[in-house]
């Protein structure tokens, strides 16, 4: 499922860590490298945002849309 895929590629930064602000399409691009079968439609990107919110990821609104604070894991 999407939560497992996200957990495999990213983690939430700890309090003292910076992390990178990414919009769901950037998160999708990273996931797609690891999971080529993932379809890049609007529905998937919305689900990524919903999953990150459910996982407790910090978010903020930017001019590019909702951004989420993440740390990429080198797989």
PDB file of N, CA and C in Angstrom:
ATOM      1  N   UNK A   1       0.835  -1.205   0.000  1.00  0.00           N
ATOM      2  CA  UNK A   1       0.000   0.000   0.000  1.00  0.00           C
ATOM      3  C   UNK A   1       0.868   1.253   0.000  1.00  0.00           C
ATOM      4  N   UNK A   2       0.235   2.380  -0.200  1.00  0.00           N
ATOM      5  CA  UNK A   2       0.944   3.649  -0.347  1.00  0.00           C
ATOM      6  C   UNK A   2       1.747   4.018   0.896  1.00  0.00           C
ATOM      7  N   UNK A   3       1.189   3.774   2.067  1.00  0.00           N
ATOM      8  CA  UNK A   3       1.896   4.099   3.311  1.00  0.00           C
ATOM      9  C   UNK A   3       3.207   3.312   3.412  1.00  0.00           C
ATOM     10  N   UNK A   4       3.178   2.042   3.039  1.00  0.00           N
ATOM     11  CA  UNK A   4       4.383   1.207   3.051  1.00  0.00           C
ATOM     12  C   UNK A   4       5.404   1.733   2.049  1.00  0.00           C
ATOM     13  N   UNK A   5       4.947   2.088   0.851  1.00  0.00           N
ATOM     14  CA  UNK A   5       5.844   2.625  -0.179  1.00  0.00           C
ATOM     15  C   UNK A   5       6.511   3.910   0.299  1.00  0.00           C
ATOM     16  N   UNK A   6       5.717   4.803   0.883  1.00  0.00           N
ATOM     17  CA  UNK A   6       6.258   6.072   1.380  1.00  0.00           C
ATOM     18  C   UNK A   6       7.260   5.813   2.497  1.00  0.00           C
ATOM     19  N   UNK A   7       6.932   4.904   3.415  1.00  0.00           N
ATOM     20  CA  UNK A   7       7.829   4.589   4.533  1.00  0.00           C
ATOM     21  C   UNK A   7       9.139   3.981   4.055  1.00  0.00           C
ATOM     22  N   UNK A   8       9.097   3.286   2.914  1.00  0.00           N
ATOM     23  CA  UNK A   8      10.301   2.672   2.356  1.00  0.00           C
ATOM     24  C   UNK A   8      11.235   3.730   1.760  1.00  0.00           C
ATOM     25  N   UNK A   9      10.662   4.811   1.239  1.00  0.00           N
ATOM     26  CA  UNK A   9      11.443   5.839   0.543  1.00  0.00           C
ATOM     27  C   UNK A   9      11.715   7.090   1.379  1.00  0.00           C
ATOM     28  N   UNK A  10      10.886   7.344   2.381  1.00  0.00           N
ATOM     29  CA  UNK A  10      10.990   8.572   3.169  1.00  0.00           C
ATOM     30  C   UNK A  10      10.797   8.288   4.650  1.00  0.00           C
ATOM     31  N   UNK A  11      11.225   9.260   5.455  1.00  0.00           N
ATOM     32  CA  UNK A  11      10.853   9.258   6.869  1.00  0.00           C
ATOM     33  C   UNK A  11      10.599  10.700   7.281  1.00  0.00           C
ATOM     34  N   UNK A  12       9.868  10.864   8.381  1.00  0.00           N
ATOM     35  CA  UNK A  12       9.609  12.196   8.902  1.00  0.00           C
ATOM     36  C   UNK A  12      10.864  12.653   9.643  1.00  0.00           C
ATOM     37  N   UNK A  13      11.279  13.901   9.442  1.00  0.00           N
ATOM     38  CA  UNK A  13      12.461  14.385  10.162  1.00  0.00           C
ATOM     39  C   UNK A  13      12.188  14.521  11.659  1.00  0.00           C
ATOM     40  N   UNK A  14      13.209  14.246  12.452  1.00  0.00           N
ATOM     41  CA  UNK A  14      13.103  14.456  13.897  1.00  0.00           C
ATOM     42  C   UNK A  14      13.084  15.962  14.162  1.00  0.00           C
ATOM     43  N   UNK A  15      12.767  16.345  15.386  1.00  0.00           N
ATOM     44  CA  UNK A  15      12.611  17.758  15.756  1.00  0.00           C
ATOM     45  C   UNK A  15      13.814  18.611  15.343  1.00  0.00           C
ATOM     46  N   UNK A  16      15.038  18.094  15.561  1.00  0.00           N
ATOM     47  CA  UNK A  16      16.242  18.890  15.289  1.00  0.00           C
ATOM     48  C   UNK A  16      16.719  18.766  13.840  1.00  0.00           C
ATOM     49  N   UNK A  17      16.054  17.935  13.045  1.00  0.00           N
ATOM     50  CA  UNK A  17      16.447  17.750  11.649  1.00  0.00           C
ATOM     51  C   UNK A  17      15.678  18.703  10.741  1.00  0.00           C
ATOM     52  N   UNK A  18      16.304  19.064   9.637  1.00  0.00           N
ATOM     53  CA  UNK A  18      15.717  20.034   8.714  1.00  0.00           C
ATOM     54  C   UNK A  18      14.653  19.403   7.813  1.00  0.00           C
ATOM     55  N   UNK A  19      14.997  18.353   7.101  1.00  0.00           N
ATOM     56  CA  UNK A  19      14.051  17.768   6.152  1.00  0.00           C
ATOM     57  C   UNK A  19      13.925  18.633   4.908  1.00  0.00           C
ATOM     58  N   UNK A  20      13.235  18.131   3.911  1.00  0.00           N
ATOM     59  CA  UNK A  20      13.042  18.860   2.658  1.00  0.00           C
ATOM     60  C   UNK A  20      11.543  19.008   2.422  1.00  0.00           C
ATOM     61  N   UNK A  21      11.123  20.216   2.060  1.00  0.00           N
ATOM     62  CA  UNK A  21       9.706  20.451   1.749  1.00  0.00           C
ATOM     63  C   UNK A  21       9.449  19.994   0.320  1.00  0.00           C
ATOM     64  N   UNK A  22       8.529  19.054   0.157  1.00  0.00           N
ATOM     65  CA  UNK A  22       8.231  18.486  -1.157  1.00  0.00           C
ATOM     66  C   UNK A  22       6.725  18.470  -1.390  1.00  0.00           C
ATOM     67  N   UNK A  23       6.312  18.807  -2.615  1.00  0.00           N
ATOM     68  CA  UNK A  23       4.898  18.675  -2.971  1.00  0.00           C
ATOM     69  C   UNK A  23       4.652  17.228  -3.401  1.00  0.00           C
ATOM     70  N   UNK A  24       3.393  16.816  -3.448  1.00  0.00           N
ATOM     71  CA  UNK A  24       3.089  15.405  -3.707  1.00  0.00           C
ATOM     72  C   UNK A  24       3.606  14.915  -5.059  1.00  0.00           C
ATOM     73  N   UNK A  25       3.702  15.793  -6.062  1.00  0.00           N
ATOM     74  CA  UNK A  25       4.238  15.346  -7.357  1.00  0.00           C
ATOM     75  C   UNK A  25       5.729  15.015  -7.244  1.00  0.00           C
ATOM     76  N   UNK A  26       6.473  15.741  -6.395  1.00  0.00           N
ATOM     77  CA  UNK A  26       7.888  15.417  -6.169  1.00  0.00           C
ATOM     78  C   UNK A  26       8.015  14.098  -5.408  1.00  0.00           C
ATOM     79  N   UNK A  27       7.138  13.897  -4.437  1.00  0.00           N
ATOM     80  CA  UNK A  27       7.116  12.634  -3.692  1.00  0.00           C
ATOM     81  C   UNK A  27       6.808  11.496  -4.667  1.00  0.00           C
ATOM     82  N   UNK A  28       5.845  11.715  -5.559  1.00  0.00           N
ATOM     83  CA  UNK A  28       5.506  10.696  -6.559  1.00  0.00           C
ATOM     84  C   UNK A  28       6.717  10.347  -7.417  1.00  0.00           C
ATOM     85  N   UNK A  29       7.471  11.356  -7.869  1.00  0.00           N
ATOM     86  CA  UNK A  29       8.638  11.101  -8.726  1.00  0.00           C
ATOM     87  C   UNK A  29       9.625  10.157  -8.051  1.00  0.00           C
ATOM     88  N   UNK A  30       9.869  10.361  -6.753  1.00  0.00           N
ATOM     89  CA  UNK A  30      10.776   9.488  -6.000  1.00  0.00           C
ATOM     90  C   UNK A  30      10.167   8.086  -5.874  1.00  0.00           C
ATOM     91  N   UNK A  31       8.882   8.023  -5.531  1.00  0.00           N
ATOM     92  CA  UNK A  31       8.209   6.724  -5.405  1.00  0.00           C
ATOM     93  C   UNK A  31       8.210   5.966  -6.734  1.00  0.00           C
ATOM     94  N   UNK A  32       8.017   6.703  -7.829  1.00  0.00           N
ATOM     95  CA  UNK A  32       7.922   6.075  -9.147  1.00  0.00           C
ATOM     96  C   UNK A  32       9.238   5.421  -9.559  1.00  0.00           C
ATOM     97  N   UNK A  33      10.362   5.980  -9.133  1.00  0.00           N
ATOM     98  CA  UNK A  33      11.662   5.356  -9.421  1.00  0.00           C
ATOM     99  C   UNK A  33      11.749   3.986  -8.752  1.00  0.00           C
ATOM    100  N   UNK A  34      11.228   3.889  -7.544  1.00  0.00           N
ATOM    101  CA  UNK A  34      11.274   2.646  -6.773  1.00  0.00           C
ATOM    102  C   UNK A  34      10.133   1.694  -7.168  1.00  0.00           C
ATOM    103  N   UNK A  35       8.985   2.278  -7.529  1.00  0.00           N
ATOM    104  CA  UNK A  35       7.782   1.494  -7.863  1.00  0.00           C
ATOM    105  C   UNK A  35       7.256   1.936  -9.231  1.00  0.00           C
ATOM    106  N   UNK A  36       7.865   1.451 -10.329  1.00  0.00           N
ATOM    107  CA  UNK A  36       7.485   1.911 -11.680  1.00  0.00           C
ATOM    108  C   UNK A  36       6.021   1.647 -12.043  1.00  0.00           C
ATOM    109  N   UNK A  37       5.367   0.705 -11.351  1.00  0.00           N
ATOM    110  CA  UNK A  37       3.972   0.395 -11.684  1.00  0.00           C
ATOM    111  C   UNK A  37       3.000   1.439 -11.146  1.00  0.00           C
ATOM    112  N   UNK A  38       3.482   2.347 -10.314  1.00  0.00           N
ATOM    113  CA  UNK A  38       2.635   3.393  -9.741  1.00  0.00           C
ATOM    114  C   UNK A  38       2.199   4.358 -10.845  1.00  0.00           C
ATOM    115  N   UNK A  39       0.892   4.584 -10.965  1.00  0.00           N
ATOM    116  CA  UNK A  39       0.350   5.448 -12.022  1.00  0.00           C
ATOM    117  C   UNK A  39       0.366   6.901 -11.547  1.00  0.00           C
ATOM    118  N   UNK A  40       0.886   7.792 -12.385  1.00  0.00           N
ATOM    119  CA  UNK A  40       1.049   9.195 -12.004  1.00  0.00           C
ATOM    120  C   UNK A  40      -0.133  10.073 -12.336  1.00  0.00           C
ATOM    121  N   UNK A  41      -1.319   9.689 -11.923  1.00  0.00           N
ATOM    122  CA  UNK A  41      -2.477  10.543 -12.185  1.00  0.00           C
ATOM    123  C   UNK A  41      -2.790  11.409 -10.961  1.00  0.00           C
ATOM    124  N   UNK A  42      -3.749  12.292 -11.126  1.00  0.00           N
ATOM    125  CA  UNK A  42      -4.102  13.225 -10.050  1.00  0.00           C
ATOM    126  C   UNK A  42      -4.574  12.475  -8.809  1.00  0.00           C
ATOM    127  N   UNK A  43      -5.309  11.402  -9.006  1.00  0.00           N
ATOM    128  CA  UNK A  43      -5.828  10.610  -7.893  1.00  0.00           C
ATOM    129  C   UNK A  43      -4.692  10.072  -7.015  1.00  0.00           C
ATOM    130  N   UNK A  44      -3.631   9.584  -7.651  1.00  0.00           N
ATOM    131  CA  UNK A  44      -2.482   9.057  -6.901  1.00  0.00           C
ATOM    132  C   UNK A  44      -1.828  10.167  -6.092  1.00  0.00           C
ATOM    133  N   UNK A  45      -1.680  11.338  -6.701  1.00  0.00           N
ATOM    134  CA  UNK A  45      -1.021  12.453  -6.011  1.00  0.00           C
ATOM    135  C   UNK A  45      -1.859  12.951  -4.833  1.00  0.00           C
ATOM    136  N   UNK A  46      -3.178  12.938  -4.982  1.00  0.00           N
ATOM    137  CA  UNK A  46      -4.071  13.304  -3.878  1.00  0.00           C
ATOM    138  C   UNK A  46      -3.934  12.276  -2.755  1.00  0.00           C
ATOM    139  N   UNK A  47      -3.898  10.995  -3.122  1.00  0.00           N
ATOM    140  CA  UNK A  47      -3.755   9.931  -2.122  1.00  0.00           C
ATOM    141  C   UNK A  47      -2.418  10.032  -1.394  1.00  0.00           C
ATOM    142  N   UNK A  48      -1.359  10.428  -2.098  1.00  0.00           N
ATOM    143  CA  UNK A  48      -0.053  10.626  -1.454  1.00  0.00           C
ATOM    144  C   UNK A  48      -0.186  11.698  -0.380  1.00  0.00           C
ATOM    145  N   UNK A  49      -0.816  12.819  -0.718  1.00  0.00           N
ATOM    146  CA  UNK A  49      -1.027  13.896   0.251  1.00  0.00           C
ATOM    147  C   UNK A  49      -1.848  13.440   1.441  1.00  0.00           C
ATOM    148  N   UNK A  50      -2.925  12.706   1.179  1.00  0.00           N
ATOM    149  CA  UNK A  50      -3.775  12.204   2.266  1.00  0.00           C
ATOM    150  C   UNK A  50      -3.003  11.242   3.162  1.00  0.00           C
ATOM    151  N   UNK A  51      -2.189  10.380   2.553  1.00  0.00           N
ATOM    152  CA  UNK A  51      -1.409   9.403   3.319  1.00  0.00           C
ATOM    153  C   UNK A  51      -0.369  10.099   4.180  1.00  0.00           C
ATOM    154  N   UNK A  52       0.317  11.099   3.613  1.00  0.00           N
ATOM    155  CA  UNK A  52       1.325  11.839   4.390  1.00  0.00           C
ATOM    156  C   UNK A  52       0.674  12.544   5.576  1.00  0.00           C
ATOM    157  N   UNK A  53      -0.504  13.120   5.357  1.00  0.00           N
ATOM    158  CA  UNK A  53      -1.238  13.789   6.436  1.00  0.00           C
ATOM    159  C   UNK A  53      -1.622  12.772   7.515  1.00  0.00           C
ATOM    160  N   UNK A  54      -2.114  11.611   7.084  1.00  0.00           N
ATOM    161  CA  UNK A  54      -2.500  10.535   8.000  1.00  0.00           C
ATOM    162  C   UNK A  54      -1.293  10.055   8.815  1.00  0.00           C
ATOM    163  N   UNK A  55      -0.111  10.043   8.178  1.00  0.00           N
ATOM    164  CA  UNK A  55       1.115   9.583   8.847  1.00  0.00           C
ATOM    165  C   UNK A  55       1.677  10.638   9.808  1.00  0.00           C
ATOM    166  N   UNK A  56       1.063  11.819   9.828  1.00  0.00           N
ATOM    167  CA  UNK A  56       1.493  12.866  10.753  1.00  0.00           C
ATOM    168  C   UNK A  56       2.615  13.742  10.237  1.00  0.00           C
ATOM    169  N   UNK A  57       2.764  13.788   8.936  1.00  0.00           N
ATOM    170  CA  UNK A  57       3.823  14.589   8.323  1.00  0.00           C
ATOM    171  C   UNK A  57       3.490  16.081   8.443  1.00  0.00           C
ATOM    172  N   UNK A  58       4.506  16.900   8.772  1.00  0.00           N
ATOM    173  CA  UNK A  58       4.309  18.355   8.816  1.00  0.00           C
ATOM    174  C   UNK A  58       4.050  18.851   7.403  1.00  0.00           C
ATOM    175  N   UNK A  59       3.123  19.800   7.280  1.00  0.00           N
ATOM    176  CA  UNK A  59       2.821  20.335   5.959  1.00  0.00           C
ATOM    177  C   UNK A  59       2.634  21.845   6.027  1.00  0.00           C
ATOM    178  N   UNK A  60       2.792  22.479   4.875  1.00  0.00           N
ATOM    179  CA  UNK A  60       2.534  23.921   4.765  1.00  0.00           C
ATOM    180  C   UNK A  60       2.084  24.202   3.344  1.00  0.00           C
ATOM    181  N   UNK A  61       1.344  25.290   3.180  1.00  0.00           N
ATOM    182  CA  UNK A  61       0.871  25.661   1.850  1.00  0.00           C
ATOM    183  C   UNK A  61       1.925  26.536   1.179  1.00  0.00           C
ATOM    184  N   UNK A  62       2.270  26.193  -0.064  1.00  0.00           N
ATOM    185  CA  UNK A  62       3.231  26.984  -0.834  1.00  0.00           C
ATOM    186  C   UNK A  62       2.573  27.412  -2.140  1.00  0.00           C
ATOM    187  N   UNK A  63       3.272  28.218  -2.923  1.00  0.00           N
ATOM    188  CA  UNK A  63       2.721  28.636  -4.217  1.00  0.00           C
ATOM    189  C   UNK A  63       2.614  27.463  -5.195  1.00  0.00           C
ATOM    190  N   UNK A  64       3.291  26.353  -4.886  1.00  0.00           N
ATOM    191  CA  UNK A  64       3.229  25.158  -5.732  1.00  0.00           C
ATOM    192  C   UNK A  64       2.226  24.139  -5.204  1.00  0.00           C
ATOM    193  N   UNK A  65       1.524  24.477  -4.124  1.00  0.00           N
ATOM    194  CA  UNK A  65       0.561  23.563  -3.515  1.00  0.00           C
ATOM    195  C   UNK A  65       1.001  23.175  -2.120  1.00  0.00           C
ATOM    196  N   UNK A  66       0.359  22.172  -1.572  1.00  0.00           N
ATOM    197  CA  UNK A  66       0.676  21.709  -0.226  1.00  0.00           C
ATOM    198  C   UNK A  66       2.026  20.991  -0.243  1.00  0.00           C
ATOM    199  N   UNK A  67       2.933  21.392   0.642  1.00  0.00           N
ATOM    200  CA  UNK A  67       4.256  20.769   0.721  1.00  0.00           C
ATOM    201  C   UNK A  67       4.373  20.012   2.036  1.00  0.00           C
ATOM    202  N   UNK A  68       5.141  18.940   2.000  1.00  0.00           N
ATOM    203  CA  UNK A  68       5.309  18.065   3.162  1.00  0.00           C
ATOM    204  C   UNK A  68       6.787  17.967   3.500  1.00  0.00           C
ATOM    205  N   UNK A  69       7.093  17.987   4.808  1.00  0.00           N
ATOM    206  CA  UNK A  69       8.482  17.946   5.245  1.00  0.00           C
ATOM    207  C   UNK A  69       8.921  16.489   5.403  1.00  0.00           C
ATOM    208  N   UNK A  70       9.895  16.090   4.580  1.00  0.00           N
ATOM    209  CA  UNK A  70      10.331  14.696   4.534  1.00  0.00           C
ATOM    210  C   UNK A  70      11.845  14.594   4.432  1.00  0.00           C
ATOM    211  N   UNK A  71      12.356  13.429   4.790  1.00  0.00           N
ATOM    212  CA  UNK A  71      13.749  13.077   4.538  1.00  0.00           C
ATOM    213  C   UNK A  71      13.742  11.843   3.652  1.00  0.00           C
ATOM    214  N   UNK A  72      14.431  11.925   2.516  1.00  0.00           N
ATOM    215  CA  UNK A  72      14.504  10.768   1.621  1.00  0.00           C
ATOM    216  C   UNK A  72      15.477   9.753   2.198  1.00  0.00           C
ATOM    217  N   UNK A  73      15.115   8.493   2.107  1.00  0.00           N
ATOM    218  CA  UNK A  73      16.003   7.409   2.524  1.00  0.00           C
ATOM    219  C   UNK A  73      16.706   6.895   1.280  1.00  0.00           C
ATOM    220  N   UNK A  74      17.993   6.679   1.365  1.00  0.00           N
ATOM    221  CA  UNK A  74      18.689   6.108   0.211  1.00  0.00           C
ATOM    222  C   UNK A  74      18.459   4.603   0.213  1.00  0.00           C
ATOM    223  N   UNK A  75      17.732   4.140  -0.777  1.00  0.00           N
ATOM    224  CA  UNK A  75      17.351   2.719  -0.833  1.00  0.00           C
ATOM    225  C   UNK A  75      18.433   1.891  -1.509  1.00  0.00           C
TER     226      UNK A  75
END
